[in-house]
Protein backbone atom coordinates (compact mmCIF):
# COMPACT_ATOMS: atom_id res chain seq x y z
CA MET A 1 7.26 -40.69 -41.51
CA PHE A 2 3.88 -39.06 -39.89
CA MET A 3 4.89 -35.47 -39.58
CA GLU A 4 5.92 -35.38 -43.12
CA LEU A 5 3.15 -36.48 -44.46
CA VAL A 6 1.13 -34.17 -42.39
CA LYS A 7 3.28 -31.34 -44.22
CA ALA A 8 2.59 -32.59 -47.95
CA VAL A 9 -1.26 -32.43 -47.00
CA TYR A 10 -1.52 -29.61 -45.49
CA LYS A 11 0.38 -28.32 -48.80
CA VAL A 12 -2.65 -30.43 -50.76
CA VAL A 13 -5.13 -29.15 -49.17
CA ASN A 14 -4.25 -25.10 -48.54
CA VAL A 15 -2.17 -24.63 -52.00
CA LEU A 16 -3.42 -27.58 -54.46
CA ALA A 17 -7.15 -27.52 -54.02
CA GLY A 18 -7.29 -24.16 -52.54
CA VAL A 19 -10.04 -25.50 -49.58
CA ARG A 20 -11.31 -22.51 -47.62
CA GLU A 21 -13.63 -21.93 -44.76
CA GLY A 22 -17.45 -23.29 -45.34
CA GLU A 23 -16.95 -25.09 -48.38
CA SER A 24 -18.29 -28.46 -49.19
CA VAL A 25 -14.93 -31.14 -49.48
CA LEU A 26 -15.28 -34.66 -50.80
CA VAL A 27 -12.27 -36.66 -50.65
CA LEU A 28 -12.82 -39.45 -52.89
CA ALA A 29 -10.83 -42.43 -53.38
CA ASP A 30 -11.10 -46.48 -53.99
CA SER A 31 -10.28 -49.41 -51.59
CA ILE A 32 -6.66 -49.43 -52.99
CA VAL A 33 -5.73 -45.65 -51.48
CA ASP A 34 -3.59 -45.26 -48.77
CA ARG A 35 -6.30 -44.96 -45.87
CA GLU A 36 -3.78 -43.22 -43.12
CA MET A 37 -3.28 -40.54 -46.22
CA LEU A 38 -7.25 -39.82 -46.74
CA ASP A 39 -7.47 -39.47 -42.96
CA ALA A 40 -4.91 -37.00 -42.96
CA ILE A 41 -6.19 -35.16 -45.82
CA CYS A 42 -9.93 -35.43 -44.13
CA GLY A 43 -8.43 -33.78 -40.87
CA VAL A 44 -6.32 -30.71 -42.46
CA ALA A 45 -9.21 -29.97 -44.68
CA HIS A 46 -11.78 -29.93 -41.26
CA THR A 47 -9.14 -28.11 -39.22
CA VAL A 48 -9.20 -25.15 -42.01
CA GLY A 49 -13.01 -25.13 -42.25
CA GLY A 50 -14.20 -27.09 -44.46
CA GLU A 51 -17.45 -29.49 -44.63
CA VAL A 52 -15.78 -33.05 -45.13
CA VAL A 53 -16.80 -36.04 -46.74
CA GLN A 54 -14.97 -39.17 -47.11
CA VAL A 55 -16.27 -41.46 -50.07
CA ILE A 56 -14.15 -45.15 -50.55
CA CYS A 57 -15.49 -47.26 -53.46
CA GLU A 58 -14.71 -50.54 -54.60
CA THR A 59 -11.57 -50.98 -56.52
CA ARG A 60 -13.04 -51.07 -60.34
CA PRO A 61 -11.23 -53.86 -62.67
CA ARG A 62 -9.89 -51.36 -64.88
CA VAL A 63 -10.40 -47.25 -65.42
CA ASN A 64 -12.91 -44.64 -66.31
CA ILE A 65 -16.37 -46.64 -65.27
CA GLU A 66 -18.75 -44.61 -63.99
CA SER A 67 -19.31 -43.88 -60.57
CA PRO A 68 -21.90 -45.29 -58.71
CA LYS A 69 -25.13 -42.89 -58.50
CA PRO A 70 -25.09 -41.61 -54.79
CA VAL A 71 -21.03 -41.08 -55.68
CA ALA A 72 -21.97 -38.96 -58.85
CA ALA A 73 -24.38 -36.87 -57.08
CA ALA A 74 -21.84 -36.21 -54.20
CA MET A 75 -19.57 -35.07 -56.81
CA ALA A 76 -22.10 -32.58 -58.33
CA SER A 77 -23.14 -31.06 -55.19
CA SER A 78 -19.47 -30.74 -53.91
CA ASP A 79 -17.41 -27.57 -53.86
CA VAL A 80 -14.03 -29.11 -53.79
CA ILE A 81 -13.01 -32.71 -54.49
CA ILE A 82 -9.78 -34.06 -53.98
CA ASP A 83 -9.97 -37.02 -56.34
CA PHE A 84 -7.34 -39.91 -55.20
CA VAL A 85 -9.34 -43.01 -57.38
CA TYR A 86 -6.60 -45.04 -58.92
CA GLN A 87 -8.55 -46.42 -60.98
CA TYR A 88 -9.35 -43.02 -62.74
CA ILE A 89 -12.77 -41.58 -63.49
CA ILE A 90 -11.32 -38.25 -65.38
CA HIS A 91 -13.15 -39.22 -68.29
CA THR A 92 -16.59 -40.52 -66.77
CA ASN A 93 -20.07 -38.29 -67.18
CA ALA A 94 -19.82 -38.06 -63.14
CA PHE A 95 -16.26 -36.24 -63.53
CA TYR A 96 -17.64 -34.10 -65.79
CA ASN A 97 -20.96 -32.94 -64.36
CA ALA A 98 -19.09 -32.13 -61.41
CA LEU A 99 -16.89 -29.74 -63.45
CA ASN A 100 -19.86 -28.63 -64.94
CA SER A 101 -21.38 -27.87 -61.77
CA GLY A 102 -18.85 -25.60 -60.70
CA ALA A 103 -16.59 -28.39 -58.74
CA ARG A 104 -12.45 -27.51 -58.47
CA ILE A 105 -11.06 -31.19 -58.40
CA CYS A 106 -7.73 -31.64 -57.43
CA ASP A 107 -6.87 -34.84 -59.11
CA LEU A 108 -4.56 -37.01 -57.11
CA THR A 109 -5.12 -40.33 -59.30
CA GLY A 110 -2.22 -42.96 -58.17
CA MET A 111 -0.89 -40.91 -55.22
CA ASN A 112 0.37 -43.05 -52.47
CA SER A 113 1.62 -41.18 -48.91
CA ASP A 114 5.65 -41.52 -49.99
CA MET A 115 4.78 -39.62 -53.16
CA MET A 116 3.11 -37.30 -51.46
CA ILE A 117 5.92 -36.58 -49.14
CA ARG A 118 8.20 -36.51 -52.28
CA LEU A 119 6.35 -34.65 -54.67
CA ILE A 120 4.19 -32.29 -53.14
CA GLY A 121 5.89 -31.92 -49.42
CA ARG A 122 9.66 -31.68 -50.41
CA ILE A 123 8.67 -29.04 -53.70
CA ASN A 124 8.55 -25.42 -53.53
CA TYR A 125 4.82 -25.15 -55.81
CA GLU A 126 5.88 -21.80 -55.49
CA ALA A 127 8.75 -22.09 -57.35
CA MET A 128 7.38 -24.73 -59.86
CA CYS A 129 4.62 -22.63 -60.82
CA ALA A 130 7.21 -19.83 -61.46
CA LEU A 131 9.32 -22.37 -63.92
CA GLY A 132 5.84 -23.05 -65.54
CA ASP A 133 5.23 -19.43 -66.24
CA LYS A 134 8.57 -19.30 -67.79
CA LEU A 135 8.40 -22.34 -69.98
CA ALA A 136 5.23 -20.95 -71.00
CA GLU A 137 6.81 -17.67 -71.86
CA ILE A 138 9.37 -19.34 -73.89
CA ILE A 139 7.33 -21.74 -75.58
CA SER A 140 4.81 -19.37 -76.55
CA SER A 141 7.58 -17.32 -78.47
CA ASN A 142 9.42 -20.04 -80.17
CA LYS A 143 9.29 -22.04 -83.27
CA ARG A 144 11.22 -24.77 -82.31
CA LEU A 145 12.09 -26.55 -79.17
CA LYS A 146 14.70 -29.50 -78.62
CA VAL A 147 14.46 -31.54 -75.00
CA TYR A 148 18.00 -33.39 -74.32
CA SER A 149 19.02 -35.57 -71.97
CA ASP A 150 21.98 -37.62 -70.42
CA ARG A 151 20.31 -41.26 -71.40
CA GLY A 152 19.83 -40.39 -74.95
CA THR A 153 16.74 -38.09 -75.41
CA ARG A 154 16.67 -36.24 -78.72
CA LEU A 155 13.56 -34.49 -79.02
CA VAL A 156 12.65 -31.53 -81.66
CA MET A 157 9.49 -30.41 -81.89
CA GLU A 158 8.08 -27.27 -83.96
CA ASN A 159 5.68 -24.70 -82.47
CA ALA A 160 3.62 -21.77 -83.90
CA PRO A 161 3.79 -19.17 -81.62
CA SER A 162 0.36 -18.25 -82.73
CA ARG A 163 -0.68 -20.72 -80.98
CA PRO A 164 -1.55 -20.24 -77.18
CA VAL A 165 -0.16 -22.02 -74.76
CA TYR A 166 -2.94 -22.93 -72.19
CA HIS A 167 -1.56 -22.39 -68.39
CA ASN A 168 -2.92 -22.09 -65.12
CA ASP A 169 -2.37 -22.93 -61.34
CA GLY A 170 -3.24 -26.80 -61.89
CA LYS A 171 -6.53 -26.91 -60.57
CA VAL A 172 -8.94 -28.06 -62.76
CA ARG A 173 -11.87 -25.71 -63.21
CA ARG A 174 -13.72 -26.25 -66.37
CA LEU A 175 -13.13 -28.70 -69.25
CA VAL A 176 -10.68 -27.22 -71.75
CA ASN A 177 -9.18 -28.54 -75.28
CA LEU A 178 -5.63 -27.95 -74.94
CA SER A 179 -3.60 -27.77 -78.27
CA PHE A 180 0.45 -27.93 -77.16
CA LEU A 181 3.45 -27.90 -79.83
CA GLY A 182 0.64 -29.60 -82.19
CA VAL A 183 -0.51 -32.49 -79.56
CA LYS A 184 -4.20 -32.62 -78.67
CA PHE A 185 -4.75 -32.88 -75.11
CA HIS A 186 -8.32 -32.73 -73.05
CA GLY A 187 -8.66 -31.32 -69.72
CA LEU A 188 -4.92 -31.10 -68.70
CA THR A 189 -2.95 -27.71 -68.15
CA LEU A 190 0.84 -27.17 -68.89
CA ARG A 191 1.41 -27.55 -65.18
CA SER A 192 -0.25 -30.71 -64.94
CA LEU A 193 2.23 -32.04 -68.05
CA LEU A 194 5.05 -30.11 -66.19
CA MET A 195 4.29 -32.29 -62.79
CA GLU A 196 4.26 -35.36 -64.72
CA LEU A 197 7.60 -34.80 -66.09
CA LEU A 198 9.32 -33.81 -62.94
CA PHE A 199 7.65 -37.17 -61.51
CA TRP A 200 9.36 -39.34 -64.36
CA MET A 201 12.66 -37.60 -63.93
CA ASP A 202 12.67 -37.75 -60.09
CA PHE A 203 11.55 -41.99 -60.87
CA TYR A 204 14.47 -42.56 -63.53
CA GLY A 205 17.13 -40.45 -62.20
CA LEU A 206 17.00 -38.20 -65.15
CA GLN A 207 18.61 -35.25 -66.06
CA VAL A 208 17.03 -33.06 -68.40
CA ARG A 209 18.21 -29.77 -70.52
CA LEU A 210 15.89 -27.96 -72.83
CA GLU A 211 17.26 -25.70 -75.78
CA PHE A 212 15.42 -23.03 -77.56
């Protein structure tokens, strides 16, 4: 599957992370993460002109433990961070400081080679973005959203069309407070929520129908 993995990695580096020539790129992971995938990311990022550093830390016993000081410093001084840390650090000072320092963070927590092939390499990202744009347009202009599935889901949500729908290309650039259908999220985007939905639909083999 190495060819399929390299294809998916190329999409991560060029489309999701948007690595450009001369940018400093930090590939960050903990010790539980697939090393072959990390090496492939580093190789492609180097090939497109990035100055690449790979950092692997021990796997922590729980999530959101602050990164070691040298790692936090590397994060704050990077142009791009491709984050694979399994015991995620998205609510740590190191993560926020990196964002405030201007780093673009492509957060792929929990990703492995198989997931990358299926959920990135085989996905038409541009079409998914267009779907996200359309969903944002529909949601922002309707007062009620109904979600049905063949497994028995019957979800009805009220929405205020005057409430803005925060929506971008999925790259984390700055801290945001997102209000989506009355639910508060921190540092998330509609597209990241859509990707999460598509992942669990694929995992459970679900088909979901949306009505507005």
